[in-house]
Amino acid sequence: MDKIKWDIRRESRAWEGTEAMERYGLTPERFEMHGGKLFWSEKDRLRLLALLLENVGIDKAILLGDPLEWRKAIAEPRP
């Protein structure tokens, strides 16, 4: 993925100072859907997800979906 240094924490956080406009500049120009997925590329989807996770926090994100699936995803090694 991008070489952006993400600061995703358990708690939500607001961007401050110059970081706010830098992060805003990373958002896609417009929302679009292609083949049933938001945005054209996986890169755009991951970037938006990271931006949202910084603002929402991990503790809220894990409330979405099945907790067992989160545990399995964390336990499996990555390529």
PDB file of N, CA and C in Angstrom:
ATOM      1  N   MET A   1       0.845  -1.183   0.000  1.00  0.00           N
ATOM      2  CA  MET A   1       0.000   0.000   0.000  1.00  0.00           C
ATOM      3  C   MET A   1       0.883   1.238   0.000  1.00  0.00           C
ATOM      4  N   ASP A   2       0.259   2.386   0.066  1.00  0.00           N
ATOM      5  CA  ASP A   2       0.992   3.653   0.075  1.00  0.00           C
ATOM      6  C   ASP A   2       2.056   3.655   1.156  1.00  0.00           C
ATOM      7  N   LYS A   3       3.029   4.512   0.998  1.00  0.00           N
ATOM      8  CA  LYS A   3       4.066   4.654   2.020  1.00  0.00           C
ATOM      9  C   LYS A   3       3.693   5.745   3.024  1.00  0.00           C
ATOM     10  N   ILE A   4       2.409   5.858   3.281  1.00  0.00           N
ATOM     11  CA  ILE A   4       1.893   6.825   4.238  1.00  0.00           C
ATOM     12  C   ILE A   4       2.034   6.231   5.628  1.00  0.00           C
ATOM     13  N   LYS A   5       2.465   7.025   6.583  1.00  0.00           N
ATOM     14  CA  LYS A   5       2.561   6.549   7.957  1.00  0.00           C
ATOM     15  C   LYS A   5       1.207   6.764   8.622  1.00  0.00           C
ATOM     16  N   TRP A   6       0.433   5.692   8.691  1.00  0.00           N
ATOM     17  CA  TRP A   6      -0.890   5.775   9.304  1.00  0.00           C
ATOM     18  C   TRP A   6      -0.759   5.759  10.809  1.00  0.00           C
ATOM     19  N   ASP A   7      -1.670   6.427  11.479  1.00  0.00           N
ATOM     20  CA  ASP A   7      -1.698   6.469  12.943  1.00  0.00           C
ATOM     21  C   ASP A   7      -3.076   5.991  13.400  1.00  0.00           C
ATOM     22  N   ILE A   8      -3.288   4.697  13.225  1.00  0.00           N
ATOM     23  CA  ILE A   8      -4.575   4.093  13.582  1.00  0.00           C
ATOM     24  C   ILE A   8      -4.468   3.596  15.021  1.00  0.00           C
ATOM     25  N   ARG A   9      -5.337   4.099  15.848  1.00  0.00           N
ATOM     26  CA  ARG A   9      -5.317   3.774  17.280  1.00  0.00           C
ATOM     27  C   ARG A   9      -6.607   3.061  17.669  1.00  0.00           C
ATOM     28  N   ARG A  10      -6.653   2.605  18.886  1.00  0.00           N
ATOM     29  CA  ARG A  10      -7.881   1.971  19.364  1.00  0.00           C
ATOM     30  C   ARG A  10      -8.998   2.991  19.500  1.00  0.00           C
ATOM     31  N   GLU A  11      -8.685   4.168  19.974  1.00  0.00           N
ATOM     32  CA  GLU A  11      -9.679   5.230  20.147  1.00  0.00           C
ATOM     33  C   GLU A  11      -9.733   6.097  18.896  1.00  0.00           C
ATOM     34  N   SER A  12     -10.867   6.721  18.677  1.00  0.00           N
ATOM     35  CA  SER A  12     -10.983   7.642  17.545  1.00  0.00           C
ATOM     36  C   SER A  12     -10.094   8.855  17.789  1.00  0.00           C
ATOM     37  N   ARG A  13      -9.721   9.500  16.709  1.00  0.00           N
ATOM     38  CA  ARG A  13      -8.936  10.717  16.861  1.00  0.00           C
ATOM     39  C   ARG A  13      -9.231  11.662  15.699  1.00  0.00           C
ATOM     40  N   ALA A  14      -9.169  12.935  15.996  1.00  0.00           N
ATOM     41  CA  ALA A  14      -9.331  13.957  14.967  1.00  0.00           C
ATOM     42  C   ALA A  14      -7.941  14.355  14.475  1.00  0.00           C
ATOM     43  N   TRP A  15      -7.866  14.690  13.217  1.00  0.00           N
ATOM     44  CA  TRP A  15      -6.608  15.187  12.676  1.00  0.00           C
ATOM     45  C   TRP A  15      -6.438  16.631  13.117  1.00  0.00           C
ATOM     46  N   GLU A  16      -5.202  17.032  13.358  1.00  0.00           N
ATOM     47  CA  GLU A  16      -4.927  18.385  13.836  1.00  0.00           C
ATOM     48  C   GLU A  16      -3.903  19.081  12.950  1.00  0.00           C
ATOM     49  N   GLY A  17      -3.964  20.392  12.930  1.00  0.00           N
ATOM     50  CA  GLY A  17      -2.973  21.192  12.232  1.00  0.00           C
ATOM     51  C   GLY A  17      -2.842  20.836  10.762  1.00  0.00           C
ATOM     52  N   THR A  18      -1.623  20.784  10.281  1.00  0.00           N
ATOM     53  CA  THR A  18      -1.372  20.499   8.866  1.00  0.00           C
ATOM     54  C   THR A  18      -1.772  19.079   8.490  1.00  0.00           C
ATOM     55  N   GLU A  19      -1.775  18.173   9.474  1.00  0.00           N
ATOM     56  CA  GLU A  19      -2.164  16.789   9.190  1.00  0.00           C
ATOM     57  C   GLU A  19      -3.583  16.727   8.623  1.00  0.00           C
ATOM     58  N   ALA A  20      -4.473  17.589   9.121  1.00  0.00           N
ATOM     59  CA  ALA A  20      -5.872  17.557   8.685  1.00  0.00           C
ATOM     60  C   ALA A  20      -5.981  17.764   7.175  1.00  0.00           C
ATOM     61  N   MET A  21      -5.343  18.780   6.648  1.00  0.00           N
ATOM     62  CA  MET A  21      -5.436  19.042   5.212  1.00  0.00           C
ATOM     63  C   MET A  21      -4.655  18.015   4.397  1.00  0.00           C
ATOM     64  N   GLU A  22      -3.542  17.514   4.953  1.00  0.00           N
ATOM     65  CA  GLU A  22      -2.791  16.458   4.265  1.00  0.00           C
ATOM     66  C   GLU A  22      -3.654  15.213   4.113  1.00  0.00           C
ATOM     67  N   ARG A  23      -4.343  14.839   5.184  1.00  0.00           N
ATOM     68  CA  ARG A  23      -5.207  13.659   5.137  1.00  0.00           C
ATOM     69  C   ARG A  23      -6.396  13.894   4.205  1.00  0.00           C
ATOM     70  N   TYR A  24      -6.978  15.075   4.280  1.00  0.00           N
ATOM     71  CA  TYR A  24      -8.106  15.398   3.402  1.00  0.00           C
ATOM     72  C   TYR A  24      -7.681  15.299   1.939  1.00  0.00           C
ATOM     73  N   GLY A  25      -6.461  15.676   1.661  1.00  0.00           N
ATOM     74  CA  GLY A  25      -5.938  15.589   0.305  1.00  0.00           C
ATOM     75  C   GLY A  25      -5.797  14.164  -0.203  1.00  0.00           C
ATOM     76  N   LEU A  26      -5.819  13.190   0.692  1.00  0.00           N
ATOM     77  CA  LEU A  26      -5.710  11.779   0.311  1.00  0.00           C
ATOM     78  C   LEU A  26      -7.051  11.162  -0.072  1.00  0.00           C
ATOM     79  N   THR A  27      -8.145  11.861   0.182  1.00  0.00           N
ATOM     80  CA  THR A  27      -9.457  11.288  -0.115  1.00  0.00           C
ATOM     81  C   THR A  27      -9.699  11.265  -1.622  1.00  0.00           C
ATOM     82  N   PRO A  28     -10.437  10.279  -2.104  1.00  0.00           N
ATOM     83  CA  PRO A  28     -10.754  10.236  -3.536  1.00  0.00           C
ATOM     84  C   PRO A  28     -11.548  11.481  -3.944  1.00  0.00           C
ATOM     85  N   GLU A  29     -11.395  11.869  -5.207  1.00  0.00           N
ATOM     86  CA  GLU A  29     -12.096  13.055  -5.692  1.00  0.00           C
ATOM     87  C   GLU A  29     -13.601  12.888  -5.619  1.00  0.00           C
ATOM     88  N   ARG A  30     -14.069  11.698  -5.900  1.00  0.00           N
ATOM     89  CA  ARG A  30     -15.511  11.429  -5.856  1.00  0.00           C
ATOM     90  C   ARG A  30     -15.727   9.953  -5.541  1.00  0.00           C
ATOM     91  N   PHE A  31     -16.907   9.661  -5.041  1.00  0.00           N
ATOM     92  CA  PHE A  31     -17.272   8.268  -4.807  1.00  0.00           C
ATOM     93  C   PHE A  31     -17.796   7.691  -6.113  1.00  0.00           C
ATOM     94  N   GLU A  32     -17.321   6.519  -6.438  1.00  0.00           N
ATOM     95  CA  GLU A  32     -17.789   5.827  -7.630  1.00  0.00           C
ATOM     96  C   GLU A  32     -17.862   4.339  -7.323  1.00  0.00           C
ATOM     97  N   MET A  33     -18.580   3.626  -8.161  1.00  0.00           N
ATOM     98  CA  MET A  33     -18.667   2.185  -7.980  1.00  0.00           C
ATOM     99  C   MET A  33     -18.355   1.517  -9.313  1.00  0.00           C
ATOM    100  N   HIS A  34     -17.544   0.461  -9.229  1.00  0.00           N
ATOM    101  CA  HIS A  34     -17.186  -0.299 -10.424  1.00  0.00           C
ATOM    102  C   HIS A  34     -17.233  -1.781 -10.067  1.00  0.00           C
ATOM    103  N   GLY A  35     -18.025  -2.531 -10.792  1.00  0.00           N
ATOM    104  CA  GLY A  35     -18.112  -3.967 -10.529  1.00  0.00           C
ATOM    105  C   GLY A  35     -18.598  -4.301  -9.135  1.00  0.00           C
ATOM    106  N   GLY A  36     -19.455  -3.434  -8.585  1.00  0.00           N
ATOM    107  CA  GLY A  36     -20.009  -3.704  -7.260  1.00  0.00           C
ATOM    108  C   GLY A  36     -19.093  -3.295  -6.113  1.00  0.00           C
ATOM    109  N   LYS A  37     -17.965  -2.636  -6.405  1.00  0.00           N
ATOM    110  CA  LYS A  37     -17.043  -2.178  -5.359  1.00  0.00           C
ATOM    111  C   LYS A  37     -16.881  -0.672  -5.469  1.00  0.00           C
ATOM    112  N   LEU A  38     -16.714  -0.050  -4.300  1.00  0.00           N
ATOM    113  CA  LEU A  38     -16.446   1.385  -4.313  1.00  0.00           C
ATOM    114  C   LEU A  38     -15.063   1.636  -4.899  1.00  0.00           C
ATOM    115  N   PHE A  39     -14.974   2.624  -5.728  1.00  0.00           N
ATOM    116  CA  PHE A  39     -13.734   3.080  -6.337  1.00  0.00           C
ATOM    117  C   PHE A  39     -13.177   2.068  -7.338  1.00  0.00           C
ATOM    118  N   TRP A  40     -12.315   2.545  -8.168  1.00  0.00           N
ATOM    119  CA  TRP A  40     -11.762   1.738  -9.252  1.00  0.00           C
ATOM    120  C   TRP A  40     -10.703   0.760  -8.746  1.00  0.00           C
ATOM    121  N   SER A  41      -9.914   1.201  -7.779  1.00  0.00           N
ATOM    122  CA  SER A  41      -8.753   0.389  -7.394  1.00  0.00           C
ATOM    123  C   SER A  41      -8.780  -0.021  -5.919  1.00  0.00           C
ATOM    124  N   GLU A  42      -8.096  -1.106  -5.648  1.00  0.00           N
ATOM    125  CA  GLU A  42      -7.913  -1.582  -4.275  1.00  0.00           C
ATOM    126  C   GLU A  42      -7.138  -0.535  -3.473  1.00  0.00           C
ATOM    127  N   LYS A  43      -6.191   0.121  -4.121  1.00  0.00           N
ATOM    128  CA  LYS A  43      -5.392   1.162  -3.465  1.00  0.00           C
ATOM    129  C   LYS A  43      -6.293   2.274  -2.926  1.00  0.00           C
ATOM    130  N   ASP A  44      -7.260   2.727  -3.729  1.00  0.00           N
ATOM    131  CA  ASP A  44      -8.185   3.768  -3.276  1.00  0.00           C
ATOM    132  C   ASP A  44      -9.047   3.280  -2.116  1.00  0.00           C
ATOM    133  N   ARG A  45      -9.503   2.025  -2.197  1.00  0.00           N
ATOM    134  CA  ARG A  45     -10.340   1.473  -1.120  1.00  0.00           C
ATOM    135  C   ARG A  45      -9.551   1.377   0.179  1.00  0.00           C
ATOM    136  N   LEU A  46      -8.325   0.899   0.114  1.00  0.00           N
ATOM    137  CA  LEU A  46      -7.504   0.765   1.323  1.00  0.00           C
ATOM    138  C   LEU A  46      -7.148   2.126   1.915  1.00  0.00           C
ATOM    139  N   ARG A  47      -6.865   3.094   1.053  1.00  0.00           N
ATOM    140  CA  ARG A  47      -6.530   4.428   1.541  1.00  0.00           C
ATOM    141  C   ARG A  47      -7.723   5.035   2.283  1.00  0.00           C
ATOM    142  N   LEU A  48      -8.910   4.913   1.722  1.00  0.00           N
ATOM    143  CA  LEU A  48     -10.100   5.463   2.388  1.00  0.00           C
ATOM    144  C   LEU A  48     -10.370   4.720   3.699  1.00  0.00           C
ATOM    145  N   LEU A  49     -10.196   3.411   3.693  1.00  0.00           N
ATOM    146  CA  LEU A  49     -10.385   2.639   4.922  1.00  0.00           C
ATOM    147  C   LEU A  49      -9.417   3.105   6.012  1.00  0.00           C
ATOM    148  N   ALA A  50      -8.165   3.319   5.665  1.00  0.00           N
ATOM    149  CA  ALA A  50      -7.174   3.782   6.643  1.00  0.00           C
ATOM    150  C   ALA A  50      -7.551   5.155   7.187  1.00  0.00           C
ATOM    151  N   LEU A  51      -7.994   6.049   6.314  1.00  0.00           N
ATOM    152  CA  LEU A  51      -8.427   7.375   6.771  1.00  0.00           C
ATOM    153  C   LEU A  51      -9.583   7.263   7.757  1.00  0.00           C
ATOM    154  N   LEU A  52     -10.551   6.428   7.429  1.00  0.00           N
ATOM    155  CA  LEU A  52     -11.696   6.243   8.318  1.00  0.00           C
ATOM    156  C   LEU A  52     -11.294   5.585   9.630  1.00  0.00           C
ATOM    157  N   LEU A  53     -10.392   4.622   9.575  1.00  0.00           N
ATOM    158  CA  LEU A  53      -9.947   3.964  10.806  1.00  0.00           C
ATOM    159  C   LEU A  53      -9.220   4.938  11.725  1.00  0.00           C
ATOM    160  N   GLU A  54      -8.453   5.858  11.161  1.00  0.00           N
ATOM    161  CA  GLU A  54      -7.817   6.875  12.003  1.00  0.00           C
ATOM    162  C   GLU A  54      -8.877   7.692  12.731  1.00  0.00           C
ATOM    163  N   ASN A  55      -9.946   8.052  12.037  1.00  0.00           N
ATOM    164  CA  ASN A  55     -11.004   8.881  12.635  1.00  0.00           C
ATOM    165  C   ASN A  55     -11.919   8.108  13.570  1.00  0.00           C
ATOM    166  N   VAL A  56     -12.175   6.848  13.291  1.00  0.00           N
ATOM    167  CA  VAL A  56     -13.151   6.071  14.059  1.00  0.00           C
ATOM    168  C   VAL A  56     -12.486   5.273  15.178  1.00  0.00           C
ATOM    169  N   GLY A  57     -11.340   4.701  14.908  1.00  0.00           N
ATOM    170  CA  GLY A  57     -10.633   3.885  15.884  1.00  0.00           C
ATOM    171  C   GLY A  57     -10.957   2.406  15.750  1.00  0.00           C
ATOM    172  N   ILE A  58     -10.024   1.608  16.184  1.00  0.00           N
ATOM    173  CA  ILE A  58     -10.144   0.152  16.069  1.00  0.00           C
ATOM    174  C   ILE A  58     -11.285  -0.387  16.926  1.00  0.00           C
ATOM    175  N   ASP A  59     -11.449   0.180  18.130  1.00  0.00           N
ATOM    176  CA  ASP A  59     -12.492  -0.334  19.030  1.00  0.00           C
ATOM    177  C   ASP A  59     -13.881  -0.272  18.402  1.00  0.00           C
ATOM    178  N   LYS A  60     -14.146   0.753  17.607  1.00  0.00           N
ATOM    179  CA  LYS A  60     -15.448   0.857  16.925  1.00  0.00           C
ATOM    180  C   LYS A  60     -15.483  -0.054  15.697  1.00  0.00           C
ATOM    181  N   ALA A  61     -14.376  -0.122  14.982  1.00  0.00           N
ATOM    182  CA  ALA A  61     -14.336  -0.911  13.746  1.00  0.00           C
ATOM    183  C   ALA A  61     -14.624  -2.387  14.012  1.00  0.00           C
ATOM    184  N   ILE A  62     -14.113  -2.906  15.126  1.00  0.00           N
ATOM    185  CA  ILE A  62     -14.309  -4.337  15.371  1.00  0.00           C
ATOM    186  C   ILE A  62     -15.735  -4.685  15.780  1.00  0.00           C
ATOM    187  N   LEU A  63     -16.557  -3.665  16.040  1.00  0.00           N
ATOM    188  CA  LEU A  63     -17.966  -3.926  16.324  1.00  0.00           C
ATOM    189  C   LEU A  63     -18.731  -4.281  15.048  1.00  0.00           C
ATOM    190  N   LEU A  64     -18.116  -4.006  13.908  1.00  0.00           N
ATOM    191  CA  LEU A  64     -18.729  -4.319  12.618  1.00  0.00           C
ATOM    192  C   LEU A  64     -18.306  -5.730  12.219  1.00  0.00           C
ATOM    193  N   GLY A  65     -19.240  -6.540  11.865  1.00  0.00           N
ATOM    194  CA  GLY A  65     -18.914  -7.901  11.438  1.00  0.00           C
ATOM    195  C   GLY A  65     -18.873  -8.892  12.585  1.00  0.00           C
ATOM    196  N   ASP A  66     -18.528 -10.102  12.236  1.00  0.00           N
ATOM    197  CA  ASP A  66     -18.499 -11.229  13.161  1.00  0.00           C
ATOM    198  C   ASP A  66     -17.172 -11.245  13.924  1.00  0.00           C
ATOM    199  N   PRO A  67     -17.191 -11.200  15.267  1.00  0.00           N
ATOM    200  CA  PRO A  67     -15.947 -11.225  16.042  1.00  0.00           C
ATOM    201  C   PRO A  67     -15.062 -12.442  15.728  1.00  0.00           C
ATOM    202  N   LEU A  68     -15.671 -13.580  15.431  1.00  0.00           N
ATOM    203  CA  LEU A  68     -14.892 -14.770  15.085  1.00  0.00           C
ATOM    204  C   LEU A  68     -14.071 -14.529  13.818  1.00  0.00           C
ATOM    205  N   GLU A  69     -14.643 -13.841  12.848  1.00  0.00           N
ATOM    206  CA  GLU A  69     -13.914 -13.550  11.605  1.00  0.00           C
ATOM    207  C   GLU A  69     -12.727 -12.628  11.874  1.00  0.00           C
ATOM    208  N   TRP A  70     -12.902 -11.635  12.759  1.00  0.00           N
ATOM    209  CA  TRP A  70     -11.787 -10.764  13.136  1.00  0.00           C
ATOM    210  C   TRP A  70     -10.672 -11.588  13.776  1.00  0.00           C
ATOM    211  N   ARG A  71     -11.036 -12.482  14.686  1.00  0.00           N
ATOM    212  CA  ARG A  71     -10.024 -13.310  15.373  1.00  0.00           C
ATOM    213  C   ARG A  71      -9.279 -14.200  14.382  1.00  0.00           C
ATOM    214  N   LYS A  72     -10.014 -14.802  13.447  1.00  0.00           N
ATOM    215  CA  LYS A  72      -9.376 -15.658  12.446  1.00  0.00           C
ATOM    216  C   LYS A  72      -8.426 -14.848  11.560  1.00  0.00           C
ATOM    217  N   ALA A  73      -8.835 -13.672  11.174  1.00  0.00           N
ATOM    218  CA  ALA A  73      -7.986 -12.830  10.324  1.00  0.00           C
ATOM    219  C   ALA A  73      -6.694 -12.437  11.033  1.00  0.00           C
ATOM    220  N   ILE A  74      -6.787 -12.139  12.312  1.00  0.00           N
ATOM    221  CA  ILE A  74      -5.602 -11.758  13.085  1.00  0.00           C
ATOM    222  C   ILE A  74      -4.676 -12.964  13.283  1.00  0.00           C
ATOM    223  N   ALA A  75      -5.248 -14.136  13.483  1.00  0.00           N
ATOM    224  CA  ALA A  75      -4.461 -15.336  13.762  1.00  0.00           C
ATOM    225  C   ALA A  75      -3.720 -15.876  12.540  1.00  0.00           C
ATOM    226  N   GLU A  76      -4.242 -15.638  11.351  1.00  0.00           N
ATOM    227  CA  GLU A  76      -3.619 -16.204  10.141  1.00  0.00           C
ATOM    228  C   GLU A  76      -2.405 -15.385   9.730  1.00  0.00           C
ATOM    229  N   PRO A  77      -1.320 -16.080   9.364  1.00  0.00           N
ATOM    230  CA  PRO A  77      -0.132 -15.355   8.894  1.00  0.00           C
ATOM    231  C   PRO A  77      -0.404 -14.671   7.553  1.00  0.00           C
ATOM    232  N   ARG A  78       0.260 -13.559   7.322  1.00  0.00           N
ATOM    233  CA  ARG A  78       0.127 -12.803   6.074  1.00  0.00           C
ATOM    234  C   ARG A  78       1.251 -13.169   5.120  1.00  0.00           C
ATOM    235  N   PRO A  79       0.944 -13.136   3.818  1.00  0.00           N
ATOM    236  CA  PRO A  79       2.002 -13.432   2.825  1.00  0.00           C
ATOM    237  C   PRO A  79       3.067 -12.355   2.779  1.00  0.00           C
TER     238      PRO A  79
END
